[in-house]
Amino acid sequence: MPITPGSQIMEMIRSEPASARIPIIFLTGKNDRKTVMKVMQLKPDGYLLKSMSHEEIIAAIDNFFETNKWKNMKLKKENGYE
């Protein structure tokens, strides 16, 4: 069990301009409504419950790369708008 909850680490990552755009797929063993809602408000790029299968992890990563968010990040970088 980490000392700092994953949702708090995600808040720290998203609050810093240098790291705010790092893709995050949240992996958790907690599936209570309060935890899910708190994490979803942070807008992760994916959300998986432990114990997830290898296929679920690959699907979450594939889903991220197929979204417009990834395409927009790539276009902004190519055009010098980081």
N, C-alpha and C. Protein backbone atom coordinates (compact mmCIF):
# COMPACT_ATOMS: atom_id res chain seq x y z
N MET A 1 0.85 -1.18 0.00
CA MET A 1 0.00 0.00 0.00
C MET A 1 0.89 1.24 0.00
N PRO A 2 0.73 2.11 -0.97
CA PRO A 2 1.55 3.32 -1.02
C PRO A 2 1.20 4.28 0.12
N ILE A 3 2.17 5.06 0.52
CA ILE A 3 1.95 6.06 1.57
C ILE A 3 1.02 7.15 1.04
N THR A 4 1.22 7.55 -0.19
CA THR A 4 0.39 8.58 -0.82
C THR A 4 -0.62 7.88 -1.74
N PRO A 5 -1.90 8.16 -1.59
CA PRO A 5 -2.90 7.53 -2.47
C PRO A 5 -2.67 7.90 -3.93
N GLY A 6 -3.00 6.95 -4.81
CA GLY A 6 -2.81 7.17 -6.24
C GLY A 6 -3.56 8.39 -6.75
N SER A 7 -4.75 8.64 -6.23
CA SER A 7 -5.52 9.81 -6.69
C SER A 7 -4.80 11.10 -6.34
N GLN A 8 -4.12 11.13 -5.20
CA GLN A 8 -3.37 12.32 -4.81
C GLN A 8 -2.13 12.48 -5.69
N ILE A 9 -1.48 11.39 -6.03
CA ILE A 9 -0.32 11.46 -6.94
C ILE A 9 -0.78 11.95 -8.30
N MET A 10 -1.93 11.46 -8.76
CA MET A 10 -2.46 11.92 -10.05
C MET A 10 -2.78 13.41 -10.01
N GLU A 11 -3.33 13.90 -8.91
CA GLU A 11 -3.59 15.34 -8.76
C GLU A 11 -2.29 16.13 -8.86
N MET A 12 -1.23 15.63 -8.24
CA MET A 12 0.07 16.32 -8.29
C MET A 12 0.62 16.35 -9.72
N ILE A 13 0.51 15.21 -10.42
CA ILE A 13 0.99 15.15 -11.80
C ILE A 13 0.21 16.11 -12.69
N ARG A 14 -1.10 16.13 -12.55
CA ARG A 14 -1.95 16.99 -13.39
C ARG A 14 -1.81 18.48 -13.04
N SER A 15 -1.37 18.80 -11.83
CA SER A 15 -1.27 20.20 -11.43
C SER A 15 0.01 20.88 -11.91
N GLU A 16 0.99 20.10 -12.31
CA GLU A 16 2.26 20.67 -12.78
C GLU A 16 2.25 20.79 -14.30
N PRO A 17 2.48 21.99 -14.85
CA PRO A 17 2.46 22.16 -16.30
C PRO A 17 3.41 21.21 -17.04
N ALA A 18 4.56 20.92 -16.46
CA ALA A 18 5.54 20.06 -17.13
C ALA A 18 5.08 18.61 -17.23
N SER A 19 4.18 18.19 -16.35
CA SER A 19 3.75 16.79 -16.34
C SER A 19 2.25 16.61 -16.59
N ALA A 20 1.53 17.68 -16.74
CA ALA A 20 0.06 17.62 -16.83
C ALA A 20 -0.44 16.78 -18.00
N ARG A 21 0.32 16.69 -19.06
CA ARG A 21 -0.13 15.98 -20.25
C ARG A 21 0.37 14.54 -20.33
N ILE A 22 1.03 14.06 -19.28
CA ILE A 22 1.48 12.67 -19.25
C ILE A 22 0.25 11.77 -19.19
N PRO A 23 0.14 10.82 -20.11
CA PRO A 23 -1.01 9.92 -20.06
C PRO A 23 -0.99 9.06 -18.79
N ILE A 24 -2.16 8.91 -18.17
CA ILE A 24 -2.27 8.13 -16.95
C ILE A 24 -3.42 7.14 -17.09
N ILE A 25 -3.10 5.87 -16.90
CA ILE A 25 -4.12 4.83 -16.81
C ILE A 25 -4.11 4.41 -15.35
N PHE A 26 -5.21 4.64 -14.68
CA PHE A 26 -5.31 4.41 -13.23
C PHE A 26 -5.61 2.94 -12.97
N LEU A 27 -4.78 2.30 -12.16
CA LEU A 27 -4.97 0.90 -11.76
C LEU A 27 -5.27 0.88 -10.28
N THR A 28 -6.39 0.27 -9.89
CA THR A 28 -6.77 0.29 -8.49
C THR A 28 -7.50 -0.99 -8.08
N GLY A 29 -7.42 -1.29 -6.82
CA GLY A 29 -8.17 -2.39 -6.25
C GLY A 29 -9.47 -1.92 -5.63
N LYS A 30 -9.63 -0.61 -5.55
CA LYS A 30 -10.84 -0.05 -4.95
C LYS A 30 -11.90 0.17 -6.01
N ASN A 31 -13.12 -0.29 -5.74
CA ASN A 31 -14.18 -0.07 -6.71
C ASN A 31 -15.43 0.51 -6.07
N ASP A 32 -15.24 1.14 -4.89
CA ASP A 32 -16.39 1.80 -4.28
C ASP A 32 -16.70 3.09 -5.03
N ARG A 33 -17.94 3.47 -5.01
CA ARG A 33 -18.42 4.61 -5.81
C ARG A 33 -17.65 5.90 -5.51
N LYS A 34 -17.35 6.16 -4.24
CA LYS A 34 -16.65 7.39 -3.86
C LYS A 34 -15.27 7.45 -4.51
N THR A 35 -14.54 6.36 -4.47
CA THR A 35 -13.20 6.32 -5.07
C THR A 35 -13.28 6.48 -6.57
N VAL A 36 -14.19 5.74 -7.20
CA VAL A 36 -14.33 5.82 -8.66
C VAL A 36 -14.66 7.24 -9.09
N MET A 37 -15.59 7.89 -8.40
CA MET A 37 -15.98 9.26 -8.77
C MET A 37 -14.82 10.24 -8.58
N LYS A 38 -14.07 10.09 -7.50
CA LYS A 38 -12.94 10.98 -7.26
C LYS A 38 -11.90 10.86 -8.37
N VAL A 39 -11.59 9.63 -8.74
CA VAL A 39 -10.60 9.41 -9.80
C VAL A 39 -11.13 9.89 -11.15
N MET A 40 -12.39 9.61 -11.46
CA MET A 40 -12.94 10.02 -12.75
C MET A 40 -12.98 11.54 -12.90
N GLN A 41 -13.12 12.26 -11.81
CA GLN A 41 -13.08 13.73 -11.86
C GLN A 41 -11.69 14.23 -12.25
N LEU A 42 -10.67 13.42 -12.02
CA LEU A 42 -9.31 13.79 -12.40
C LEU A 42 -9.03 13.51 -13.87
N LYS A 43 -9.98 12.88 -14.53
CA LYS A 43 -9.92 12.58 -15.97
C LYS A 43 -8.71 11.74 -16.36
N PRO A 44 -8.62 10.53 -15.82
CA PRO A 44 -7.53 9.65 -16.25
C PRO A 44 -7.74 9.23 -17.70
N ASP A 45 -6.68 8.77 -18.32
CA ASP A 45 -6.77 8.32 -19.71
C ASP A 45 -7.27 6.88 -19.79
N GLY A 46 -7.43 6.25 -18.64
CA GLY A 46 -7.96 4.91 -18.55
C GLY A 46 -8.16 4.56 -17.08
N TYR A 47 -8.97 3.54 -16.82
CA TYR A 47 -9.26 3.15 -15.45
C TYR A 47 -9.45 1.64 -15.43
N LEU A 48 -8.61 0.93 -14.70
CA LEU A 48 -8.69 -0.52 -14.62
C LEU A 48 -8.74 -0.97 -13.17
N LEU A 49 -9.54 -1.99 -12.91
CA LEU A 49 -9.63 -2.56 -11.57
C LEU A 49 -8.71 -3.78 -11.48
N LYS A 50 -8.00 -3.88 -10.34
CA LYS A 50 -7.18 -5.06 -10.10
C LYS A 50 -8.12 -6.21 -9.81
N SER A 51 -7.89 -7.35 -10.13
CA SER A 51 -6.80 -7.86 -10.91
C SER A 51 -7.22 -7.94 -12.36
N MET A 52 -6.65 -7.04 -13.13
CA MET A 52 -6.99 -6.95 -14.54
C MET A 52 -6.16 -7.96 -15.31
N SER A 53 -6.67 -8.32 -16.45
CA SER A 53 -5.95 -9.26 -17.30
C SER A 53 -4.99 -8.51 -18.21
N HIS A 54 -4.08 -9.25 -18.78
CA HIS A 54 -3.14 -8.69 -19.75
C HIS A 54 -3.91 -8.05 -20.90
N GLU A 55 -4.97 -8.70 -21.33
CA GLU A 55 -5.78 -8.19 -22.44
C GLU A 55 -6.44 -6.87 -22.09
N GLU A 56 -6.89 -6.72 -20.84
CA GLU A 56 -7.52 -5.46 -20.42
C GLU A 56 -6.50 -4.31 -20.43
N ILE A 57 -5.29 -4.60 -20.00
CA ILE A 57 -4.24 -3.57 -20.01
C ILE A 57 -3.95 -3.14 -21.44
N ILE A 58 -3.77 -4.09 -22.33
CA ILE A 58 -3.50 -3.77 -23.74
C ILE A 58 -4.67 -2.99 -24.34
N ALA A 59 -5.90 -3.39 -24.02
CA ALA A 59 -7.09 -2.69 -24.55
C ALA A 59 -7.13 -1.25 -24.06
N ALA A 60 -6.78 -1.01 -22.80
CA ALA A 60 -6.78 0.36 -22.26
C ALA A 60 -5.74 1.22 -22.96
N ILE A 61 -4.57 0.64 -23.22
CA ILE A 61 -3.51 1.38 -23.92
C ILE A 61 -3.93 1.64 -25.37
N ASP A 62 -4.47 0.62 -26.03
CA ASP A 62 -4.95 0.79 -27.41
C ASP A 62 -6.03 1.87 -27.47
N ASN A 63 -6.95 1.85 -26.52
CA ASN A 63 -8.02 2.82 -26.48
C ASN A 63 -7.47 4.25 -26.37
N PHE A 64 -6.46 4.42 -25.53
CA PHE A 64 -5.86 5.75 -25.39
C PHE A 64 -5.31 6.24 -26.72
N PHE A 65 -4.57 5.37 -27.42
CA PHE A 65 -3.96 5.79 -28.68
C PHE A 65 -4.97 6.01 -29.79
N GLU A 66 -6.17 5.46 -29.65
CA GLU A 66 -7.21 5.67 -30.66
C GLU A 66 -8.06 6.90 -30.39
N THR A 67 -7.88 7.54 -29.26
CA THR A 67 -8.71 8.70 -28.91
C THR A 67 -8.22 9.97 -29.59
N ASN A 68 -9.11 10.92 -29.69
CA ASN A 68 -8.75 12.22 -30.24
C ASN A 68 -7.76 12.95 -29.36
N LYS A 69 -7.77 12.67 -28.05
CA LYS A 69 -6.85 13.35 -27.14
C LYS A 69 -5.40 13.09 -27.56
N TRP A 70 -5.07 11.84 -27.83
CA TRP A 70 -3.71 11.50 -28.24
C TRP A 70 -3.38 12.17 -29.58
N LYS A 71 -4.32 12.12 -30.51
CA LYS A 71 -4.10 12.72 -31.82
C LYS A 71 -3.87 14.22 -31.69
N ASN A 72 -4.64 14.89 -30.83
CA ASN A 72 -4.47 16.32 -30.63
C ASN A 72 -3.14 16.64 -29.98
N MET A 73 -2.70 15.81 -29.01
CA MET A 73 -1.40 16.03 -28.38
C MET A 73 -0.29 15.91 -29.41
N LYS A 74 -0.39 14.91 -30.28
CA LYS A 74 0.62 14.67 -31.30
C LYS A 74 0.66 15.84 -32.28
N LEU A 75 -0.50 16.32 -32.72
CA LEU A 75 -0.55 17.44 -33.66
C LEU A 75 0.03 18.71 -33.05
N LYS A 76 -0.29 18.98 -31.79
CA LYS A 76 0.25 20.17 -31.13
C LYS A 76 1.76 20.10 -31.05
N LYS A 77 2.30 18.93 -30.73
CA LYS A 77 3.75 18.78 -30.63
C LYS A 77 4.39 18.98 -32.01
N GLU A 78 3.80 18.37 -33.03
CA GLU A 78 4.35 18.49 -34.39
C GLU A 78 4.35 19.95 -34.85
N ASN A 79 3.39 20.74 -34.39
CA ASN A 79 3.28 22.14 -34.81
C ASN A 79 3.93 23.10 -33.82
N GLY A 80 4.62 22.56 -32.83
CA GLY A 80 5.35 23.40 -31.88
C GLY A 80 4.51 24.09 -30.84
N TYR A 81 3.36 23.54 -30.50
CA TYR A 81 2.46 24.15 -29.52
C TYR A 81 2.41 23.40 -28.20
N GLU A 82 3.51 22.92 -27.73
CA GLU A 82 3.49 22.18 -26.47
C GLU A 82 3.17 23.12 -25.41
